[in-house]
Amino acid sequence: MVKKTETKKTETENEEYTGNSALIGYVRRSNAGGALKLSINTSAFADCSTYVTSDGQAYVPLIISLNALNKVLSGERAVTTVSQMQG
């Protein structure tokens, strides 16, 4: 089950893309503050599109907003999303 959301280009949230995206998971800072915790929904991840490089390796392209991630790192926000662009 992939949650589809309509994202809008805003200066505070995301300056690089607009359009449909699928929510794949979340990023938060660890309690100690020395690491990022990445939580991926396995069902959503299984539904992600992939690409294959010239050496035959398959990858899942995911997106995290730099502005939102910086707010998580600075403590302004507790969490931000990991998404994949759709169509």
C-alpha atoms as a PDB file:
ATOM      1  CA  MET A   1       0.000   0.000   0.000  1.00  0.00           C
ATOM      2  CA  VAL A   2       1.687   3.179  -1.198  1.00  0.00           C
ATOM      3  CA  LYS A   3       0.381   6.494   0.076  1.00  0.00           C
ATOM      4  CA  LYS A   4       0.374   8.978  -2.785  1.00  0.00           C
ATOM      5  CA  THR A   5       0.667  12.629  -1.960  1.00  0.00           C
ATOM      6  CA  GLU A   6       0.569  15.725  -4.104  1.00  0.00           C
ATOM      7  CA  THR A   7       3.573  17.894  -3.346  1.00  0.00           C
ATOM      8  CA  LYS A   8       3.782  21.571  -4.140  1.00  0.00           C
ATOM      9  CA  LYS A   9       6.926  23.557  -4.744  1.00  0.00           C
ATOM     10  CA  THR A  10       7.506  25.730  -1.703  1.00  0.00           C
ATOM     11  CA  GLU A  11      10.552  27.635  -0.608  1.00  0.00           C
ATOM     12  CA  THR A  12      10.506  26.207   2.915  1.00  0.00           C
ATOM     13  CA  GLU A  13       9.877  22.561   2.097  1.00  0.00           C
ATOM     14  CA  ASN A  14      11.292  21.494  -1.252  1.00  0.00           C
ATOM     15  CA  GLU A  15      12.823  23.531  -4.018  1.00  0.00           C
ATOM     16  CA  GLU A  16      13.707  20.751  -6.440  1.00  0.00           C
ATOM     17  CA  TYR A  17      10.565  18.892  -7.468  1.00  0.00           C
ATOM     18  CA  THR A  18       6.829  19.057  -7.800  1.00  0.00           C
ATOM     19  CA  GLY A  19       4.276  16.422  -8.700  1.00  0.00           C
ATOM     20  CA  ASN A  20       3.117  13.104  -7.355  1.00  0.00           C
ATOM     21  CA  SER A  21       5.214  11.210  -4.863  1.00  0.00           C
ATOM     22  CA  ALA A  22       4.791   8.039  -2.839  1.00  0.00           C
ATOM     23  CA  LEU A  23       5.546   8.038   0.883  1.00  0.00           C
ATOM     24  CA  ILE A  24       8.165   5.355   1.518  1.00  0.00           C
ATOM     25  CA  GLY A  25       9.302   6.114   5.059  1.00  0.00           C
ATOM     26  CA  TYR A  26      10.667   8.614   7.545  1.00  0.00           C
ATOM     27  CA  VAL A  27      13.979  10.074   8.708  1.00  0.00           C
ATOM     28  CA  ARG A  28      14.585  11.232  12.276  1.00  0.00           C
ATOM     29  CA  ARG A  29      17.561  12.002  14.476  1.00  0.00           C
ATOM     30  CA  SER A  30      18.605   9.393  17.019  1.00  0.00           C
ATOM     31  CA  ASN A  31      17.943  10.147  20.677  1.00  0.00           C
ATOM     32  CA  ALA A  32      21.668  10.662  21.229  1.00  0.00           C
ATOM     33  CA  GLY A  33      21.781  12.981  18.216  1.00  0.00           C
ATOM     34  CA  GLY A  34      24.795  11.354  16.589  1.00  0.00           C
ATOM     35  CA  ALA A  35      22.986   9.495  13.817  1.00  0.00           C
ATOM     36  CA  LEU A  36      20.003   9.567  11.500  1.00  0.00           C
ATOM     37  CA  LYS A  37      17.376   6.851  11.833  1.00  0.00           C
ATOM     38  CA  LEU A  38      15.822   5.800   8.550  1.00  0.00           C
ATOM     39  CA  SER A  39      12.534   3.866   8.754  1.00  0.00           C
ATOM     40  CA  ILE A  40      11.294   2.372   5.488  1.00  0.00           C
ATOM     41  CA  ASN A  41       7.859   0.795   5.068  1.00  0.00           C
ATOM     42  CA  THR A  42       8.577  -2.623   3.537  1.00  0.00           C
ATOM     43  CA  SER A  43       5.295  -2.774   1.641  1.00  0.00           C
ATOM     44  CA  ALA A  44       5.824   0.678   0.104  1.00  0.00           C
ATOM     45  CA  PHE A  45       9.465  -0.142  -0.697  1.00  0.00           C
ATOM     46  CA  ALA A  46       8.429  -3.318  -2.522  1.00  0.00           C
ATOM     47  CA  ASP A  47       6.169  -1.201  -4.757  1.00  0.00           C
ATOM     48  CA  CYS A  48       8.953   1.266  -5.679  1.00  0.00           C
ATOM     49  CA  SER A  49      10.250   1.585  -9.200  1.00  0.00           C
ATOM     50  CA  THR A  50      13.919   0.826  -9.776  1.00  0.00           C
ATOM     51  CA  TYR A  51      16.639   1.503 -12.304  1.00  0.00           C
ATOM     52  CA  VAL A  52      19.598  -0.638 -13.359  1.00  0.00           C
ATOM     53  CA  THR A  53      23.120   0.692 -13.859  1.00  0.00           C
ATOM     54  CA  SER A  54      25.474  -0.403 -16.634  1.00  0.00           C
ATOM     55  CA  ASP A  55      27.113  -2.922 -14.284  1.00  0.00           C
ATOM     56  CA  GLY A  56      23.756  -4.650 -13.702  1.00  0.00           C
ATOM     57  CA  GLN A  57      23.093  -3.340 -10.176  1.00  0.00           C
ATOM     58  CA  ALA A  58      19.485  -2.330  -9.368  1.00  0.00           C
ATOM     59  CA  TYR A  59      18.723   0.765  -7.284  1.00  0.00           C
ATOM     60  CA  VAL A  60      15.616   2.405  -5.824  1.00  0.00           C
ATOM     61  CA  PRO A  61      15.690   6.204  -6.320  1.00  0.00           C
ATOM     62  CA  LEU A  62      14.398   7.958  -3.192  1.00  0.00           C
ATOM     63  CA  ILE A  63      14.111  11.619  -2.253  1.00  0.00           C
ATOM     64  CA  ILE A  64      14.586  13.497   1.021  1.00  0.00           C
ATOM     65  CA  SER A  65      14.136  17.269   1.066  1.00  0.00           C
ATOM     66  CA  LEU A  66      17.381  18.950   2.087  1.00  0.00           C
ATOM     67  CA  ASN A  67      15.528  21.832   3.736  1.00  0.00           C
ATOM     68  CA  ALA A  68      13.391  19.469   5.799  1.00  0.00           C
ATOM     69  CA  LEU A  69      16.399  17.272   6.659  1.00  0.00           C
ATOM     70  CA  ASN A  70      18.352  20.309   7.855  1.00  0.00           C
ATOM     71  CA  LYS A  71      15.416  21.167  10.138  1.00  0.00           C
ATOM     72  CA  VAL A  72      15.523  17.640  11.572  1.00  0.00           C
ATOM     73  CA  LEU A  73      19.271  17.945  12.125  1.00  0.00           C
ATOM     74  CA  SER A  74      18.888  21.326  13.831  1.00  0.00           C
ATOM     75  CA  GLY A  75      16.047  20.110  16.044  1.00  0.00           C
ATOM     76  CA  GLU A  76      13.370  22.343  14.467  1.00  0.00           C
ATOM     77  CA  ARG A  77      11.493  19.251  13.277  1.00  0.00           C
ATOM     78  CA  ALA A  78      11.316  15.768  14.742  1.00  0.00           C
ATOM     79  CA  VAL A  79      10.891  13.895  11.474  1.00  0.00           C
ATOM     80  CA  THR A  80      10.722  14.257   7.689  1.00  0.00           C
ATOM     81  CA  THR A  81       9.668  11.965   4.871  1.00  0.00           C
ATOM     82  CA  VAL A  82      11.438   9.684   2.426  1.00  0.00           C
ATOM     83  CA  SER A  83       9.568   9.585  -0.884  1.00  0.00           C
ATOM     84  CA  GLN A  84       9.764   8.357  -4.442  1.00  0.00           C
ATOM     85  CA  MET A  85       8.617  10.437  -7.388  1.00  0.00           C
ATOM     86  CA  GLN A  86       5.769   8.834  -9.323  1.00  0.00           C
ATOM     87  CA  GLY A  87       5.237   9.111 -13.069  1.00  0.00           C
END
